[in-house]
Amino acid sequence: MLDALRRSGALTLFCLGAYLVFDLFVSGFNLVVLLTAVGCFVLTHYLNPGPKHQDEGVYIWDILDVIIELPFRSIALALRLVGRTLKDGNPADL
């Protein structure tokens, strides 16, 4: 029951973040909207209960988990690359 509520909240935050990213392209750049979208994706990552393999026949939850985690993993990868570049001082090493 609690996992279903957490998954529902994560899905809602993911949809809100996706809409805000869409709004960035349609209405033009706005820093507040960008930070809110990033915040939604980060909160989605922490709110999502993750894959539970109790229902082996239901693969839609696994696919949904991958889709929900994709923006957070992209943001984390970009931040790691920026941090590594700033730490090393040479972007050509990537």
PDB file of N, CA and C in Angstrom:
ATOM      1  N   MET A   1       0.819  -1.194   0.000  1.00  0.00           N
ATOM      2  CA  MET A   1       0.000   0.000   0.000  1.00  0.00           C
ATOM      3  C   MET A   1       0.861   1.255   0.000  1.00  0.00           C
ATOM      4  N   LEU A   2       1.872   1.271   0.891  1.00  0.00           N
ATOM      5  CA  LEU A   2       2.745   2.432   0.962  1.00  0.00           C
ATOM      6  C   LEU A   2       3.595   2.555  -0.307  1.00  0.00           C
ATOM      7  N   ASP A   3       4.044   1.419  -0.852  1.00  0.00           N
ATOM      8  CA  ASP A   3       4.808   1.463  -2.102  1.00  0.00           C
ATOM      9  C   ASP A   3       3.970   2.009  -3.246  1.00  0.00           C
ATOM     10  N   ALA A   4       2.698   1.658  -3.285  1.00  0.00           N
ATOM     11  CA  ALA A   4       1.818   2.178  -4.335  1.00  0.00           C
ATOM     12  C   ALA A   4       1.636   3.682  -4.205  1.00  0.00           C
ATOM     13  N   LEU A   5       1.551   4.176  -2.980  1.00  0.00           N
ATOM     14  CA  LEU A   5       1.417   5.611  -2.762  1.00  0.00           C
ATOM     15  C   LEU A   5       2.703   6.343  -3.141  1.00  0.00           C
ATOM     16  N   ARG A   6       3.849   5.771  -2.776  1.00  0.00           N
ATOM     17  CA  ARG A   6       5.135   6.371  -3.157  1.00  0.00           C
ATOM     18  C   ARG A   6       5.325   6.352  -4.672  1.00  0.00           C
ATOM     19  N   ARG A   7       4.947   5.253  -5.315  1.00  0.00           N
ATOM     20  CA  ARG A   7       5.078   5.153  -6.766  1.00  0.00           C
ATOM     21  C   ARG A   7       4.152   6.159  -7.460  1.00  0.00           C
ATOM     22  N   SER A   8       2.965   6.350  -6.912  1.00  0.00           N
ATOM     23  CA  SER A   8       2.028   7.326  -7.464  1.00  0.00           C
ATOM     24  C   SER A   8       2.569   8.749  -7.320  1.00  0.00           C
ATOM     25  N   GLY A   9       3.142   9.053  -6.167  1.00  0.00           N
ATOM     26  CA  GLY A   9       3.748  10.368  -5.973  1.00  0.00           C
ATOM     27  C   GLY A   9       4.938  10.591  -6.884  1.00  0.00           C
ATOM     28  N   ALA A  10       5.754   9.556  -7.065  1.00  0.00           N
ATOM     29  CA  ALA A  10       6.905   9.657  -7.964  1.00  0.00           C
ATOM     30  C   ALA A  10       6.455   9.869  -9.408  1.00  0.00           C
ATOM     31  N   LEU A  11       5.421   9.169  -9.801  1.00  0.00           N
ATOM     32  CA  LEU A  11       4.905   9.330 -11.162  1.00  0.00           C
ATOM     33  C   LEU A  11       4.325  10.727 -11.367  1.00  0.00           C
ATOM     34  N   THR A  12       3.647  11.253 -10.355  1.00  0.00           N
ATOM     35  CA  THR A  12       3.103  12.606 -10.442  1.00  0.00           C
ATOM     36  C   THR A  12       4.216  13.640 -10.557  1.00  0.00           C
ATOM     37  N   LEU A  13       5.254  13.502  -9.729  1.00  0.00           N
ATOM     38  CA  LEU A  13       6.386  14.429  -9.812  1.00  0.00           C
ATOM     39  C   LEU A  13       7.116  14.305 -11.140  1.00  0.00           C
ATOM     40  N   PHE A  14       7.238  13.087 -11.666  1.00  0.00           N
ATOM     41  CA  PHE A  14       7.874  12.897 -12.965  1.00  0.00           C
ATOM     42  C   PHE A  14       7.082  13.611 -14.060  1.00  0.00           C
ATOM     43  N   CYS A  15       5.762  13.459 -14.029  1.00  0.00           N
ATOM     44  CA  CYS A  15       4.920  14.125 -15.033  1.00  0.00           C
ATOM     45  C   CYS A  15       5.027  15.644 -14.916  1.00  0.00           C
ATOM     46  N   LEU A  16       5.071  16.165 -13.695  1.00  0.00           N
ATOM     47  CA  LEU A  16       5.227  17.597 -13.491  1.00  0.00           C
ATOM     48  C   LEU A  16       6.577  18.076 -14.025  1.00  0.00           C
ATOM     49  N   GLY A  17       7.633  17.333 -13.743  1.00  0.00           N
ATOM     50  CA  GLY A  17       8.952  17.694 -14.255  1.00  0.00           C
ATOM     51  C   GLY A  17       9.013  17.648 -15.772  1.00  0.00           C
ATOM     52  N   ALA A  18       8.391  16.631 -16.368  1.00  0.00           N
ATOM     53  CA  ALA A  18       8.370  16.533 -17.831  1.00  0.00           C
ATOM     54  C   ALA A  18       7.598  17.696 -18.438  1.00  0.00           C
ATOM     55  N   TYR A  19       6.481  18.063 -17.799  1.00  0.00           N
ATOM     56  CA  TYR A  19       5.722  19.221 -18.295  1.00  0.00           C
ATOM     57  C   TYR A  19       6.546  20.498 -18.192  1.00  0.00           C
ATOM     58  N   LEU A  20       7.277  20.668 -17.104  1.00  0.00           N
ATOM     59  CA  LEU A  20       8.086  21.874 -16.947  1.00  0.00           C
ATOM     60  C   LEU A  20       9.213  21.934 -17.974  1.00  0.00           C
ATOM     61  N   VAL A  21       9.798  20.803 -18.307  1.00  0.00           N
ATOM     62  CA  VAL A  21      10.810  20.785 -19.373  1.00  0.00           C
ATOM     63  C   VAL A  21      10.169  21.148 -20.714  1.00  0.00           C
ATOM     64  N   PHE A  22       8.987  20.613 -20.974  1.00  0.00           N
ATOM     65  CA  PHE A  22       8.251  20.970 -22.188  1.00  0.00           C
ATOM     66  C   PHE A  22       7.951  22.468 -22.200  1.00  0.00           C
ATOM     67  N   ASP A  23       7.567  23.013 -21.053  1.00  0.00           N
ATOM     68  CA  ASP A  23       7.267  24.444 -20.943  1.00  0.00           C
ATOM     69  C   ASP A  23       8.507  25.291 -21.207  1.00  0.00           C
ATOM     70  N   LEU A  24       9.683  24.792 -20.836  1.00  0.00           N
ATOM     71  CA  LEU A  24      10.919  25.523 -21.125  1.00  0.00           C
ATOM     72  C   LEU A  24      11.121  25.694 -22.626  1.00  0.00           C
ATOM     73  N   PHE A  25      10.779  24.672 -23.400  1.00  0.00           N
ATOM     74  CA  PHE A  25      10.954  24.758 -24.844  1.00  0.00           C
ATOM     75  C   PHE A  25       9.869  25.599 -25.503  1.00  0.00           C
ATOM     76  N   VAL A  26       8.665  25.558 -24.982  1.00  0.00           N
ATOM     77  CA  VAL A  26       7.552  26.269 -25.603  1.00  0.00           C
ATOM     78  C   VAL A  26       7.547  27.746 -25.224  1.00  0.00           C
ATOM     79  N   SER A  27       7.710  28.044 -23.936  1.00  0.00           N
ATOM     80  CA  SER A  27       7.567  29.423 -23.464  1.00  0.00           C
ATOM     81  C   SER A  27       8.889  30.175 -23.374  1.00  0.00           C
ATOM     82  N   GLY A  28       9.976  29.520 -23.554  1.00  0.00           N
ATOM     83  CA  GLY A  28      11.268  30.173 -23.428  1.00  0.00           C
ATOM     84  C   GLY A  28      11.912  29.838 -22.099  1.00  0.00           C
ATOM     85  N   PHE A  29      13.177  30.178 -21.975  1.00  0.00           N
ATOM     86  CA  PHE A  29      13.949  29.805 -20.792  1.00  0.00           C
ATOM     87  C   PHE A  29      13.529  30.623 -19.585  1.00  0.00           C
ATOM     88  N   ASN A  30      13.412  29.938 -18.466  1.00  0.00           N
ATOM     89  CA  ASN A  30      13.139  30.562 -17.178  1.00  0.00           C
ATOM     90  C   ASN A  30      13.891  29.745 -16.128  1.00  0.00           C
ATOM     91  N   LEU A  31      14.749  30.401 -15.381  1.00  0.00           N
ATOM     92  CA  LEU A  31      15.595  29.696 -14.417  1.00  0.00           C
ATOM     93  C   LEU A  31      14.779  29.027 -13.313  1.00  0.00           C
ATOM     94  N   VAL A  32      13.718  29.669 -12.880  1.00  0.00           N
ATOM     95  CA  VAL A  32      12.888  29.089 -11.822  1.00  0.00           C
ATOM     96  C   VAL A  32      12.228  27.800 -12.306  1.00  0.00           C
ATOM     97  N   VAL A  33      11.748  27.808 -13.538  1.00  0.00           N
ATOM     98  CA  VAL A  33      11.115  26.616 -14.105  1.00  0.00           C
ATOM     99  C   VAL A  33      12.146  25.501 -14.261  1.00  0.00           C
ATOM    100  N   LEU A  34      13.352  25.831 -14.696  1.00  0.00           N
ATOM    101  CA  LEU A  34      14.409  24.836 -14.844  1.00  0.00           C
ATOM    102  C   LEU A  34      14.774  24.212 -13.497  1.00  0.00           C
ATOM    103  N   LEU A  35      14.957  25.031 -12.481  1.00  0.00           N
ATOM    104  CA  LEU A  35      15.311  24.508 -11.165  1.00  0.00           C
ATOM    105  C   LEU A  35      14.177  23.685 -10.559  1.00  0.00           C
ATOM    106  N   THR A  36      12.941  24.085 -10.820  1.00  0.00           N
ATOM    107  CA  THR A  36      11.803  23.308 -10.330  1.00  0.00           C
ATOM    108  C   THR A  36      11.734  21.955 -11.031  1.00  0.00           C
ATOM    109  N   ALA A  37      11.990  21.929 -12.326  1.00  0.00           N
ATOM    110  CA  ALA A  37      11.982  20.664 -13.067  1.00  0.00           C
ATOM    111  C   ALA A  37      13.083  19.737 -12.556  1.00  0.00           C
ATOM    112  N   VAL A  38      14.270  20.265 -12.348  1.00  0.00           N
ATOM    113  CA  VAL A  38      15.369  19.449 -11.812  1.00  0.00           C
ATOM    114  C   VAL A  38      15.023  18.950 -10.420  1.00  0.00           C
ATOM    115  N   GLY A  39      14.425  19.814  -9.601  1.00  0.00           N
ATOM    116  CA  GLY A  39      13.997  19.406  -8.268  1.00  0.00           C
ATOM    117  C   GLY A  39      12.951  18.298  -8.312  1.00  0.00           C
ATOM    118  N   CYS A  40      12.030  18.384  -9.269  1.00  0.00           N
ATOM    119  CA  CYS A  40      11.019  17.332  -9.420  1.00  0.00           C
ATOM    120  C   CYS A  40      11.668  15.994  -9.759  1.00  0.00           C
ATOM    121  N   PHE A  41      12.643  16.014 -10.660  1.00  0.00           N
ATOM    122  CA  PHE A  41      13.299  14.771 -11.042  1.00  0.00           C
ATOM    123  C   PHE A  41      14.131  14.195  -9.894  1.00  0.00           C
ATOM    124  N   VAL A  42      14.760  15.042  -9.112  1.00  0.00           N
ATOM    125  CA  VAL A  42      15.543  14.559  -7.966  1.00  0.00           C
ATOM    126  C   VAL A  42      14.607  13.980  -6.905  1.00  0.00           C
ATOM    127  N   LEU A  43      13.513  14.678  -6.612  1.00  0.00           N
ATOM    128  CA  LEU A  43      12.544  14.153  -5.648  1.00  0.00           C
ATOM    129  C   LEU A  43      11.913  12.861  -6.140  1.00  0.00           C
ATOM    130  N   THR A  44      11.706  12.754  -7.446  1.00  0.00           N
ATOM    131  CA  THR A  44      11.164  11.522  -8.021  1.00  0.00           C
ATOM    132  C   THR A  44      12.100  10.351  -7.750  1.00  0.00           C
ATOM    133  N   HIS A  45      13.401  10.585  -7.900  1.00  0.00           N
ATOM    134  CA  HIS A  45      14.381   9.531  -7.655  1.00  0.00           C
ATOM    135  C   HIS A  45      14.311   9.032  -6.213  1.00  0.00           C
ATOM    136  N   TYR A  46      14.205   9.956  -5.276  1.00  0.00           N
ATOM    137  CA  TYR A  46      14.200   9.563  -3.873  1.00  0.00           C
ATOM    138  C   TYR A  46      12.843   9.043  -3.402  1.00  0.00           C
ATOM    139  N   LEU A  47      11.773   9.427  -4.075  1.00  0.00           N
ATOM    140  CA  LEU A  47      10.439   8.979  -3.687  1.00  0.00           C
ATOM    141  C   LEU A  47      10.086   7.624  -4.295  1.00  0.00           C
ATOM    142  N   ASN A  48      10.662   7.310  -5.450  1.00  0.00           N
ATOM    143  CA  ASN A  48      10.355   6.061  -6.144  1.00  0.00           C
ATOM    144  C   ASN A  48      10.858   4.873  -5.326  1.00  0.00           C
ATOM    145  N   PRO A  49       9.973   3.904  -5.031  1.00  0.00           N
ATOM    146  CA  PRO A  49      10.416   2.766  -4.210  1.00  0.00           C
ATOM    147  C   PRO A  49      11.349   1.812  -4.939  1.00  0.00           C
ATOM    148  N   GLY A  50      11.475   1.927  -6.239  1.00  0.00           N
ATOM    149  CA  GLY A  50      12.366   1.053  -6.989  1.00  0.00           C
ATOM    150  C   GLY A  50      11.680  -0.229  -7.401  1.00  0.00           C
ATOM    151  N   PRO A  51      12.387  -1.040  -8.142  1.00  0.00           N
ATOM    152  CA  PRO A  51      11.760  -2.283  -8.623  1.00  0.00           C
ATOM    153  C   PRO A  51      11.568  -3.293  -7.498  1.00  0.00           C
ATOM    154  N   LYS A  52      10.403  -3.819  -7.432  1.00  0.00           N
ATOM    155  CA  LYS A  52      10.076  -4.896  -6.497  1.00  0.00           C
ATOM    156  C   LYS A  52       9.715  -6.110  -7.332  1.00  0.00           C
ATOM    157  N   HIS A  53      10.417  -7.175  -7.155  1.00  0.00           N
ATOM    158  CA  HIS A  53      10.209  -8.355  -7.991  1.00  0.00           C
ATOM    159  C   HIS A  53       9.277  -9.367  -7.340  1.00  0.00           C
ATOM    160  N   GLN A  54       8.296  -8.864  -6.615  1.00  0.00           N
ATOM    161  CA  GLN A  54       7.302  -9.767  -6.054  1.00  0.00           C
ATOM    162  C   GLN A  54       6.332 -10.229  -7.136  1.00  0.00           C
ATOM    163  N   ASP A  55       5.995  -9.320  -8.042  1.00  0.00           N
ATOM    164  CA  ASP A  55       5.101  -9.650  -9.143  1.00  0.00           C
ATOM    165  C   ASP A  55       5.961  -9.924 -10.376  1.00  0.00           C
ATOM    166  N   GLU A  56       6.375 -11.149 -10.565  1.00  0.00           N
ATOM    167  CA  GLU A  56       7.285 -11.484 -11.656  1.00  0.00           C
ATOM    168  C   GLU A  56       6.634 -11.323 -13.027  1.00  0.00           C
ATOM    169  N   GLY A  57       5.327 -11.412 -13.096  1.00  0.00           N
ATOM    170  CA  GLY A  57       4.655 -11.322 -14.384  1.00  0.00           C
ATOM    171  C   GLY A  57       4.386  -9.904 -14.843  1.00  0.00           C
ATOM    172  N   VAL A  58       4.568  -8.912 -13.985  1.00  0.00           N
ATOM    173  CA  VAL A  58       4.247  -7.534 -14.327  1.00  0.00           C
ATOM    174  C   VAL A  58       5.539  -6.794 -14.657  1.00  0.00           C
ATOM    175  N   TYR A  59       5.785  -6.615 -15.944  1.00  0.00           N
ATOM    176  CA  TYR A  59       7.003  -5.942 -16.385  1.00  0.00           C
ATOM    177  C   TYR A  59       6.789  -4.460 -16.593  1.00  0.00           C
ATOM    178  N   ILE A  60       5.557  -3.984 -16.539  1.00  0.00           N
ATOM    179  CA  ILE A  60       5.288  -2.561 -16.755  1.00  0.00           C
ATOM    180  C   ILE A  60       5.922  -1.721 -15.655  1.00  0.00           C
ATOM    181  N   TRP A  61       6.010  -2.259 -14.424  1.00  0.00           N
ATOM    182  CA  TRP A  61       6.624  -1.496 -13.331  1.00  0.00           C
ATOM    183  C   TRP A  61       8.122  -1.345 -13.555  1.00  0.00           C
ATOM    184  N   ASP A  62       8.763  -2.380 -14.102  1.00  0.00           N
ATOM    185  CA  ASP A  62      10.198  -2.280 -14.393  1.00  0.00           C
ATOM    186  C   ASP A  62      10.458  -1.247 -15.479  1.00  0.00           C
ATOM    187  N   ILE A  63       9.634  -1.237 -16.505  1.00  0.00           N
ATOM    188  CA  ILE A  63       9.778  -0.258 -17.587  1.00  0.00           C
ATOM    189  C   ILE A  63       9.523   1.143 -17.053  1.00  0.00           C
ATOM    190  N   LEU A  64       8.513   1.287 -16.212  1.00  0.00           N
ATOM    191  CA  LEU A  64       8.193   2.584 -15.616  1.00  0.00           C
ATOM    192  C   LEU A  64       9.336   3.070 -14.728  1.00  0.00           C
ATOM    193  N   ASP A  65       9.966   2.175 -13.987  1.00  0.00           N
ATOM    194  CA  ASP A  65      11.105   2.562 -13.157  1.00  0.00           C
ATOM    195  C   ASP A  65      12.268   3.071 -13.993  1.00  0.00           C
ATOM    196  N   VAL A  66      12.528   2.438 -15.117  1.00  0.00           N
ATOM    197  CA  VAL A  66      13.616   2.885 -16.001  1.00  0.00           C
ATOM    198  C   VAL A  66      13.311   4.264 -16.557  1.00  0.00           C
ATOM    199  N   ILE A  67      12.074   4.485 -16.985  1.00  0.00           N
ATOM    200  CA  ILE A  67      11.696   5.779 -17.544  1.00  0.00           C
ATOM    201  C   ILE A  67      11.771   6.867 -16.485  1.00  0.00           C
ATOM    202  N   ILE A  68      11.321   6.560 -15.278  1.00  0.00           N
ATOM    203  CA  ILE A  68      11.340   7.555 -14.204  1.00  0.00           C
ATOM    204  C   ILE A  68      12.772   7.886 -13.791  1.00  0.00           C
ATOM    205  N   GLU A  69      13.666   6.922 -13.790  1.00  0.00           N
ATOM    206  CA  GLU A  69      15.040   7.145 -13.352  1.00  0.00           C
ATOM    207  C   GLU A  69      15.917   7.807 -14.416  1.00  0.00           C
ATOM    208  N   LEU A  70      15.512   7.775 -15.667  1.00  0.00           N
ATOM    209  CA  LEU A  70      16.342   8.293 -16.759  1.00  0.00           C
ATOM    210  C   LEU A  70      16.716   9.766 -16.598  1.00  0.00           C
ATOM    211  N   PRO A  71      15.789  10.689 -16.286  1.00  0.00           N
ATOM    212  CA  PRO A  71      16.211  12.091 -16.120  1.00  0.00           C
ATOM    213  C   PRO A  71      17.174  12.291 -14.954  1.00  0.00           C
ATOM    214  N   PHE A  72      16.944  11.602 -13.835  1.00  0.00           N
ATOM    215  CA  PHE A  72      17.848  11.756 -12.696  1.00  0.00           C
ATOM    216  C   PHE A  72      19.239  11.241 -13.041  1.00  0.00           C
ATOM    217  N   ARG A  73      19.310  10.119 -13.703  1.00  0.00           N
ATOM    218  CA  ARG A  73      20.623   9.579 -14.079  1.00  0.00           C
ATOM    219  C   ARG A  73      21.340  10.496 -15.062  1.00  0.00           C
ATOM    220  N   SER A  74      20.585  11.137 -15.955  1.00  0.00           N
ATOM    221  CA  SER A  74      21.184  12.093 -16.892  1.00  0.00           C
ATOM    222  C   SER A  74      21.732  13.312 -16.162  1.00  0.00           C
ATOM    223  N   ILE A  75      20.966  13.834 -15.214  1.00  0.00           N
ATOM    224  CA  ILE A  75      21.416  14.984 -14.428  1.00  0.00           C
ATOM    225  C   ILE A  75      22.643  14.608 -13.612  1.00  0.00           C
ATOM    226  N   ALA A  76      22.628  13.450 -12.987  1.00  0.00           N
ATOM    227  CA  ALA A  76      23.764  13.010 -12.175  1.00  0.00           C
ATOM    228  C   ALA A  76      25.014  12.818 -13.037  1.00  0.00           C
ATOM    229  N   LEU A  77      24.849  12.256 -14.241  1.00  0.00           N
ATOM    230  CA  LEU A  77      25.994  12.073 -15.129  1.00  0.00           C
ATOM    231  C   LEU A  77      26.577  13.412 -15.553  1.00  0.00           C
ATOM    232  N   ALA A  78      25.715  14.369 -15.885  1.00  0.00           N
ATOM    233  CA  ALA A  78      26.198  15.691 -16.294  1.00  0.00           C
ATOM    234  C   ALA A  78      26.946  16.368 -15.147  1.00  0.00           C
ATOM    235  N   LEU A  79      26.430  16.275 -13.931  1.00  0.00           N
ATOM    236  CA  LEU A  79      27.109  16.883 -12.790  1.00  0.00           C
ATOM    237  C   LEU A  79      28.440  16.202 -12.491  1.00  0.00           C
ATOM    238  N   ARG A  80      28.490  14.878 -12.658  1.00  0.00           N
ATOM    239  CA  ARG A  80      29.765  14.172 -12.454  1.00  0.00           C
ATOM    240  C   ARG A  80      30.799  14.590 -13.486  1.00  0.00           C
ATOM    241  N   LEU A  81      30.374  14.744 -14.749  1.00  0.00           N
ATOM    242  CA  LEU A  81      31.302  15.164 -15.788  1.00  0.00           C
ATOM    243  C   LEU A  81      31.820  16.577 -15.548  1.00  0.00           C
ATOM    244  N   VAL A  82      30.940  17.472 -15.116  1.00  0.00           N
ATOM    245  CA  VAL A  82      31.368  18.838 -14.808  1.00  0.00           C
ATOM    246  C   VAL A  82      32.326  18.826 -13.624  1.00  0.00           C
ATOM    247  N   GLY A  83      32.009  18.061 -12.595  1.00  0.00           N
ATOM    248  CA  GLY A  83      32.885  17.979 -11.427  1.00  0.00           C
ATOM    249  C   GLY A  83      34.241  17.397 -11.761  1.00  0.00           C
ATOM    250  N   ARG A  84      34.260  16.368 -12.593  1.00  0.00           N
ATOM    251  CA  ARG A  84      35.526  15.754 -12.990  1.00  0.00           C
ATOM    252  C   ARG A  84      36.356  16.725 -13.825  1.00  0.00           C
ATOM    253  N   THR A  85      35.684  17.481 -14.697  1.00  0.00           N
ATOM    254  CA  THR A  85      36.394  18.456 -15.520  1.00  0.00           C
ATOM    255  C   THR A  85      36.968  19.566 -14.661  1.00  0.00           C
ATOM    256  N   LEU A  86      36.208  20.056 -13.707  1.00  0.00           N
ATOM    257  CA  LEU A  86      36.713  21.115 -12.836  1.00  0.00           C
ATOM    258  C   LEU A  86      37.827  20.617 -11.923  1.00  0.00           C
ATOM    259  N   LYS A  87      37.741  19.364 -11.501  1.00  0.00           N
ATOM    260  CA  LYS A  87      38.778  18.816 -10.614  1.00  0.00           C
ATOM    261  C   LYS A  87      40.084  18.603 -11.367  1.00  0.00           C
ATOM    262  N   ASP A  88      39.997  18.047 -12.578  1.00  0.00           N
ATOM    263  CA  ASP A  88      41.198  17.768 -13.351  1.00  0.00           C
ATOM    264  C   ASP A  88      41.743  19.008 -14.038  1.00  0.00           C
ATOM    265  N   GLY A  89      40.856  19.903 -14.439  1.00  0.00           N
ATOM    266  CA  GLY A  89      41.291  21.124 -15.102  1.00  0.00           C
ATOM    267  C   GLY A  89      41.520  20.983 -16.579  1.00  0.00           C
ATOM    268  N   ASN A  90      41.367  19.781 -17.132  1.00  0.00           N
ATOM    269  CA  ASN A  90      41.608  19.584 -18.540  1.00  0.00           C
ATOM    270  C   ASN A  90      40.419  18.811 -19.146  1.00  0.00           C
ATOM    271  N   PRO A  91      39.537  19.479 -19.878  1.00  0.00           N
ATOM    272  CA  PRO A  91      38.370  18.781 -20.439  1.00  0.00           C
ATOM    273  C   PRO A  91      38.723  17.825 -21.568  1.00  0.00           C
ATOM    274  N   ALA A  92      39.943  17.905 -22.114  1.00  0.00           N
ATOM    275  CA  ALA A  92      40.333  17.022 -23.219  1.00  0.00           C
ATOM    276  C   ALA A  92      40.571  15.599 -22.735  1.00  0.00           C
ATOM    277  N   ASP A  93      40.720  15.383 -21.437  1.00  0.00           N
ATOM    278  CA  ASP A  93      40.975  14.041 -20.900  1.00  0.00           C
ATOM    279  C   ASP A  93      39.735  13.181 -20.900  1.00  0.00           C
ATOM    280  N   LEU A  94      38.551  13.773 -21.077  1.00  0.00           N
ATOM    281  CA  LEU A  94      37.317  12.987 -21.069  1.00  0.00           C
ATOM    282  C   LEU A  94      37.247  12.236 -22.351  1.00  0.00           C
TER     283      LEU A  94
END
